[in-house]
N, C-alpha and C. Protein backbone atom coordinates (compact mmCIF):
# COMPACT_ATOMS: atom_id res chain seq x y z
N GLN A 1 2.20 -6.93 19.77
CA GLN A 1 1.09 -6.37 19.47
C GLN A 1 1.18 -5.81 18.19
N VAL A 2 0.49 -6.22 17.00
CA VAL A 2 0.27 -6.04 15.94
C VAL A 2 -0.59 -5.02 15.62
N HIS A 3 -0.09 -3.93 14.72
CA HIS A 3 -0.77 -2.83 14.74
C HIS A 3 -1.40 -2.67 13.29
N LEU A 4 -0.57 -3.29 12.34
CA LEU A 4 -1.08 -3.02 10.78
C LEU A 4 -1.10 -4.62 10.11
N VAL A 5 -1.78 -5.05 9.74
CA VAL A 5 -1.91 -6.29 9.00
C VAL A 5 -2.23 -5.97 7.29
N GLU A 6 -1.37 -6.65 6.55
CA GLU A 6 -1.56 -6.52 5.08
C GLU A 6 -2.27 -7.47 4.48
N SER A 7 -2.80 -7.58 3.36
CA SER A 7 -3.41 -8.92 2.77
C SER A 7 -3.75 -8.49 1.16
N GLY A 8 -3.92 -9.56 0.67
CA GLY A 8 -4.12 -9.46 -1.08
C GLY A 8 -2.90 -9.40 -2.09
N GLY A 9 -1.88 -9.43 -1.49
CA GLY A 9 -0.85 -9.72 -2.44
C GLY A 9 -0.94 -11.26 -3.32
N GLY A 10 0.09 -11.26 -4.33
CA GLY A 10 0.15 -12.58 -5.20
C GLY A 10 0.76 -12.43 -6.29
N LEU A 11 0.35 -13.44 -7.19
CA LEU A 11 0.70 -13.29 -8.78
C LEU A 11 -0.11 -12.75 -9.67
N VAL A 12 0.28 -11.89 -10.21
CA VAL A 12 -0.82 -11.13 -11.80
C VAL A 12 -0.10 -10.86 -12.92
N GLN A 13 -0.70 -11.49 -13.77
CA GLN A 13 0.24 -10.62 -15.09
C GLN A 13 -0.03 -9.48 -15.32
N ALA A 14 1.34 -8.84 -16.00
CA ALA A 14 1.17 -7.48 -16.54
C ALA A 14 -0.26 -7.40 -17.34
N GLY A 15 -0.40 -5.72 -16.92
CA GLY A 15 -1.66 -5.36 -17.47
C GLY A 15 -2.76 -5.65 -16.75
N GLY A 16 -2.96 -6.48 -15.85
CA GLY A 16 -3.86 -7.21 -14.69
C GLY A 16 -4.29 -5.97 -13.61
N SER A 17 -4.81 -6.33 -12.90
CA SER A 17 -4.97 -5.59 -11.48
C SER A 17 -5.09 -6.46 -10.12
N LEU A 18 -4.79 -5.86 -9.41
CA LEU A 18 -4.40 -6.45 -7.65
C LEU A 18 -4.80 -5.33 -6.97
N ARG A 19 -5.41 -5.86 -5.53
CA ARG A 19 -6.16 -4.95 -4.82
C ARG A 19 -5.35 -5.64 -3.08
N LEU A 20 -4.75 -4.50 -2.62
CA LEU A 20 -3.98 -4.83 -1.59
C LEU A 20 -4.79 -4.05 -0.07
N SER A 21 -4.96 -4.51 0.82
CA SER A 21 -5.85 -4.03 1.84
C SER A 21 -4.97 -4.03 3.49
N CYS A 22 -5.21 -3.04 3.91
CA CYS A 22 -4.45 -2.97 5.48
C CYS A 22 -5.27 -2.41 6.23
N ALA A 23 -5.28 -3.61 7.04
CA ALA A 23 -6.21 -3.24 8.59
C ALA A 23 -5.26 -2.60 9.64
N ALA A 24 -5.80 -1.89 10.11
CA ALA A 24 -4.83 -0.73 11.34
C ALA A 24 -5.47 -1.16 12.57
N SER A 25 -5.01 -1.18 13.98
CA SER A 25 -5.81 -0.83 14.97
C SER A 25 -6.28 0.56 15.18
N GLY A 26 -7.32 0.56 15.91
CA GLY A 26 -8.06 2.13 15.71
C GLY A 26 -7.28 3.46 16.27
N SER A 27 -6.68 2.75 17.35
CA SER A 27 -5.71 4.09 18.11
C SER A 27 -4.69 4.58 17.23
N ILE A 28 -4.08 4.01 16.13
CA ILE A 28 -3.13 4.46 15.29
C ILE A 28 -3.69 5.11 13.89
N PHE A 29 -4.78 4.47 13.25
CA PHE A 29 -5.78 4.73 12.13
C PHE A 29 -6.24 6.69 12.16
N ARG A 30 -6.68 6.86 13.16
CA ARG A 30 -7.50 7.84 13.40
C ARG A 30 -6.78 9.03 13.43
N LEU A 31 -7.12 9.87 12.35
CA LEU A 31 -6.35 11.03 12.01
C LEU A 31 -5.10 10.90 11.45
N ASN A 32 -4.45 9.91 11.52
CA ASN A 32 -3.28 9.50 10.97
C ASN A 32 -3.07 9.41 9.20
N ILE A 33 -1.93 9.97 8.91
CA ILE A 33 -1.24 9.78 7.66
C ILE A 33 -1.00 8.16 7.17
N MET A 34 -1.77 7.58 6.19
CA MET A 34 -1.30 5.86 6.10
C MET A 34 -0.80 6.07 4.76
N GLY A 35 -0.14 5.02 4.70
CA GLY A 35 0.48 4.76 3.16
C GLY A 35 1.14 3.54 2.54
N TRP A 36 1.27 3.23 1.72
CA TRP A 36 1.82 2.22 0.88
C TRP A 36 3.22 2.30 0.54
N TYR A 37 4.23 1.63 0.83
CA TYR A 37 5.72 1.50 0.44
C TYR A 37 5.84 0.36 -0.19
N ARG A 38 6.96 0.33 -1.18
CA ARG A 38 7.51 -1.25 -1.56
C ARG A 38 9.30 -1.02 -1.66
N GLN A 39 9.52 -2.64 -1.80
CA GLN A 39 10.91 -2.50 -1.63
C GLN A 39 10.95 -3.84 -2.65
N ALA A 40 11.61 -3.73 -3.84
CA ALA A 40 11.99 -4.72 -4.64
C ALA A 40 13.27 -5.26 -4.08
N PRO A 41 14.04 -6.59 -4.76
CA PRO A 41 15.07 -7.09 -4.19
C PRO A 41 16.26 -6.30 -4.71
N GLY A 42 17.39 -5.84 -3.89
CA GLY A 42 18.11 -5.26 -4.12
C GLY A 42 18.15 -3.48 -4.02
N SER A 43 16.83 -3.27 -3.74
CA SER A 43 16.49 -1.72 -3.59
C SER A 43 16.07 -1.20 -2.44
N ARG A 44 16.27 -0.13 -2.22
CA ARG A 44 15.60 0.69 -1.15
C ARG A 44 14.23 0.60 -1.14
N ARG A 45 13.67 0.72 0.01
CA ARG A 45 12.10 0.76 0.15
C ARG A 45 11.82 2.22 -0.38
N GLU A 46 10.57 2.27 -1.01
CA GLU A 46 10.42 3.53 -1.49
C GLU A 46 8.59 3.88 -1.42
N LEU A 47 8.59 5.19 -1.54
CA LEU A 47 6.99 5.40 -1.25
C LEU A 47 6.09 5.12 -2.64
N VAL A 48 5.10 4.69 -2.37
CA VAL A 48 3.90 4.36 -3.46
C VAL A 48 3.14 5.53 -3.36
N ALA A 49 2.17 5.55 -2.18
CA ALA A 49 1.45 6.23 -2.06
C ALA A 49 0.87 6.87 -0.57
N THR A 50 0.40 7.81 -0.40
CA THR A 50 -0.05 8.02 0.89
C THR A 50 -1.40 8.86 0.77
N ILE A 51 -2.33 8.66 2.07
CA ILE A 51 -3.62 9.34 1.94
C ILE A 51 -3.87 9.79 3.50
N ASN A 52 -4.26 11.11 3.51
CA ASN A 52 -4.50 11.76 5.01
C ASN A 52 -5.97 11.10 5.34
N ASN A 53 -6.31 12.00 6.61
CA ASN A 53 -7.58 11.81 7.11
C ASN A 53 -8.42 12.62 6.50
N ASP A 54 -8.18 13.72 5.91
CA ASP A 54 -9.25 14.14 4.66
C ASP A 54 -9.18 13.62 3.16
N ASP A 55 -8.73 12.31 3.13
CA ASP A 55 -8.76 11.73 1.82
C ASP A 55 -7.95 12.22 0.55
N ILE A 56 -7.01 13.21 1.12
CA ILE A 56 -5.97 13.66 0.17
C ILE A 56 -5.05 12.75 -0.16
N ALA A 57 -4.63 12.39 -1.21
CA ALA A 57 -3.55 11.41 -1.85
C ALA A 57 -2.50 12.12 -2.40
N GLU A 58 -1.33 11.41 -2.45
CA GLU A 58 -0.17 11.67 -3.20
C GLU A 58 0.27 10.30 -3.62
N TYR A 59 0.96 10.55 -4.84
CA TYR A 59 1.65 9.11 -5.32
C TYR A 59 2.99 9.49 -5.92
N ALA A 60 3.76 8.37 -6.03
CA ALA A 60 5.09 8.46 -6.79
C ALA A 60 4.91 8.25 -8.36
N GLY A 61 5.74 8.94 -8.88
CA GLY A 61 5.43 9.09 -10.15
C GLY A 61 4.97 7.81 -11.22
N SER A 62 5.75 7.17 -10.88
CA SER A 62 5.97 5.84 -11.29
C SER A 62 4.53 5.09 -11.12
N VAL A 63 3.84 5.66 -10.39
CA VAL A 63 2.31 4.82 -10.15
C VAL A 63 1.00 5.54 -10.46
N LYS A 64 1.37 6.79 -10.77
CA LYS A 64 0.01 8.02 -10.64
C LYS A 64 -0.43 7.67 -12.09
N GLY A 65 -2.07 7.40 -11.75
CA GLY A 65 -2.70 7.38 -12.92
C GLY A 65 -3.18 5.48 -13.09
N ARG A 66 -2.44 4.94 -12.27
CA ARG A 66 -2.18 3.32 -12.60
C ARG A 66 -2.99 2.74 -11.04
N PHE A 67 -2.45 3.30 -10.02
CA PHE A 67 -2.80 2.95 -8.55
C PHE A 67 -3.70 3.96 -8.06
N THR A 68 -4.59 3.75 -6.99
CA THR A 68 -5.51 4.58 -6.47
C THR A 68 -5.36 3.79 -4.46
N ILE A 69 -4.90 4.90 -3.89
CA ILE A 69 -5.32 4.84 -2.60
C ILE A 69 -6.39 5.22 -2.01
N SER A 70 -7.03 4.47 -0.83
CA SER A 70 -8.24 4.73 -0.18
C SER A 70 -8.10 4.20 1.01
N ARG A 71 -9.20 4.84 1.88
CA ARG A 71 -9.21 4.65 3.67
C ARG A 71 -10.70 4.38 3.51
N ASP A 72 -10.94 3.56 4.72
CA ASP A 72 -12.16 3.63 5.36
C ASP A 72 -12.22 3.76 6.88
N ASN A 73 -12.66 5.04 7.05
CA ASN A 73 -12.44 5.68 8.62
C ASN A 73 -13.23 4.65 9.63
N THR A 74 -14.30 3.98 8.81
CA THR A 74 -15.29 3.21 10.00
C THR A 74 -14.33 1.80 10.16
N ARG A 75 -13.85 1.40 8.96
CA ARG A 75 -13.47 -0.20 9.01
C ARG A 75 -11.99 0.26 9.79
N ASN A 76 -11.13 1.20 9.41
CA ASN A 76 -9.90 1.64 10.09
C ASN A 76 -8.98 0.46 8.88
N THR A 77 -9.36 0.87 7.63
CA THR A 77 -8.54 0.08 6.35
C THR A 77 -8.26 0.94 5.63
N VAL A 78 -6.97 0.67 4.95
CA VAL A 78 -6.32 1.35 3.77
C VAL A 78 -6.08 0.42 2.61
N ASP A 79 -6.82 0.96 1.49
CA ASP A 79 -6.25 -0.07 0.33
C ASP A 79 -5.49 0.58 -0.63
N LEU A 80 -5.06 -0.40 -1.31
CA LEU A 80 -4.31 0.03 -2.50
C LEU A 80 -4.71 -0.75 -3.77
N GLN A 81 -5.60 -0.26 -4.84
CA GLN A 81 -5.96 -0.50 -6.17
C GLN A 81 -5.08 -0.41 -7.10
N MET A 82 -3.98 -1.27 -7.59
CA MET A 82 -3.48 -1.80 -8.35
C MET A 82 -3.90 -1.87 -9.81
N ASP A 83 -3.70 -1.46 -10.78
CA ASP A 83 -4.53 -1.43 -12.23
C ASP A 83 -3.43 -1.18 -13.38
N ARG A 84 -3.42 -1.98 -14.29
CA ARG A 84 -2.28 -1.97 -15.76
C ARG A 84 -1.07 -2.11 -14.81
N VAL A 85 -0.83 -3.20 -13.96
CA VAL A 85 0.13 -3.45 -13.44
C VAL A 85 1.59 -3.84 -14.23
N LYS A 86 2.77 -3.66 -13.74
CA LYS A 86 3.93 -3.69 -14.87
C LYS A 86 4.95 -4.70 -14.05
N PRO A 87 5.77 -5.14 -14.82
CA PRO A 87 6.77 -6.04 -13.93
C PRO A 87 7.55 -5.46 -13.07
N GLU A 88 7.87 -4.60 -13.65
CA GLU A 88 8.75 -3.40 -12.35
C GLU A 88 7.86 -3.15 -11.20
N ASP A 89 6.58 -3.39 -11.15
CA ASP A 89 6.07 -3.14 -9.96
C ASP A 89 6.22 -4.45 -8.83
N THR A 90 6.69 -5.28 -9.25
CA THR A 90 7.25 -6.39 -8.28
C THR A 90 8.02 -5.98 -7.13
N ALA A 91 7.33 -6.17 -6.12
CA ALA A 91 8.23 -5.74 -4.66
C ALA A 91 7.30 -6.37 -3.65
N VAL A 92 7.79 -6.29 -2.22
CA VAL A 92 7.17 -6.43 -0.96
C VAL A 92 6.83 -5.05 -0.92
N TYR A 93 5.10 -5.12 -0.78
CA TYR A 93 4.57 -4.07 -0.31
C TYR A 93 4.16 -3.66 1.33
N TYR A 94 4.44 -2.69 1.53
CA TYR A 94 4.36 -2.49 3.01
C TYR A 94 3.47 -1.36 3.60
N CYS A 95 2.77 -1.56 4.48
CA CYS A 95 1.47 -0.91 4.96
C CYS A 95 2.21 0.18 5.95
N HIS A 96 1.94 1.45 5.99
CA HIS A 96 2.82 2.36 6.71
C HIS A 96 1.76 3.50 7.83
N ALA A 97 1.94 3.51 8.88
CA ALA A 97 1.21 4.63 9.65
C ALA A 97 2.29 5.73 10.09
N LEU A 98 2.18 7.07 9.73
CA LEU A 98 3.03 8.09 9.83
C LEU A 98 3.38 8.25 11.25
N LEU A 99 2.48 8.13 12.27
CA LEU A 99 2.90 8.56 13.48
C LEU A 99 1.97 7.24 14.38
N PRO A 100 3.03 6.56 14.99
CA PRO A 100 4.49 6.77 15.21
C PRO A 100 5.61 6.05 14.27
N GLY A 101 5.16 5.69 13.30
CA GLY A 101 6.10 5.09 12.29
C GLY A 101 6.06 3.66 12.25
N PHE A 102 4.83 2.98 12.18
CA PHE A 102 4.59 1.88 12.36
C PHE A 102 4.50 1.00 11.14
N TRP A 103 5.27 -0.04 10.91
CA TRP A 103 5.09 -0.77 9.38
C TRP A 103 4.11 -2.19 9.65
N GLY A 104 3.84 -2.55 8.63
CA GLY A 104 3.11 -3.99 8.60
C GLY A 104 3.99 -4.75 8.39
N GLN A 105 4.07 -6.22 8.31
CA GLN A 105 4.90 -7.34 8.00
C GLN A 105 4.98 -7.51 6.29
N GLY A 106 4.38 -6.72 5.45
CA GLY A 106 4.52 -7.00 4.04
C GLY A 106 4.14 -7.81 3.15
N THR A 107 3.37 -7.75 2.01
CA THR A 107 2.82 -8.85 1.34
C THR A 107 3.75 -8.59 -0.14
N GLN A 108 3.68 -9.77 -0.64
CA GLN A 108 4.65 -9.78 -1.61
C GLN A 108 3.82 -9.84 -3.18
N VAL A 109 4.06 -9.00 -4.18
CA VAL A 109 3.31 -8.90 -4.99
C VAL A 109 4.43 -9.24 -6.43
N THR A 110 3.91 -10.00 -7.38
CA THR A 110 4.75 -10.75 -8.05
C THR A 110 3.97 -10.17 -9.59
N VAL A 111 4.62 -9.37 -10.37
CA VAL A 111 3.82 -9.10 -11.91
C VAL A 111 4.65 -10.11 -12.90
N SER A 112 4.21 -10.74 -13.62
CA SER A 112 4.63 -11.70 -14.77
C SER A 112 4.50 -11.00 -15.96
N SER A 113 5.48 -10.89 -16.88
CA SER A 113 5.35 -10.24 -18.11
C SER A 113 4.96 -11.32 -19.21
C-alpha cells in the first residue's frame, strides 16, 4: 500500500530550478503536517521544509529564500520549488507525512557545478 509518491527529480545545473511533487493518499494528507527531507551520500537525513494545513511553512536555514514548499489540499499534493540550486543540494529527497510517520520512496536530485 503506497501512501506517498514523489516525482520531479533529475539533473540540473547550479543556479537553475527544479520542482518536486509528492502525491499523497487523502487519508494521510488531510490535516497532516507534510514535509520534504533530503539525504546526501554519507550524511544523515535532514529536514528541508515542512508545511501544515494552514499553509504555515518552515525551512532549513540552508534553503531558506531559495526553496518554496506548497500544498494543494484539493489534489492532496505537496510540492517543493527549488530555485538557485547549489551543488550541495544534491541528495535523495523524501516526502514525509508527520502522522503516522510515512515516507515516500525518494527522488534523486543532482546539481552539477
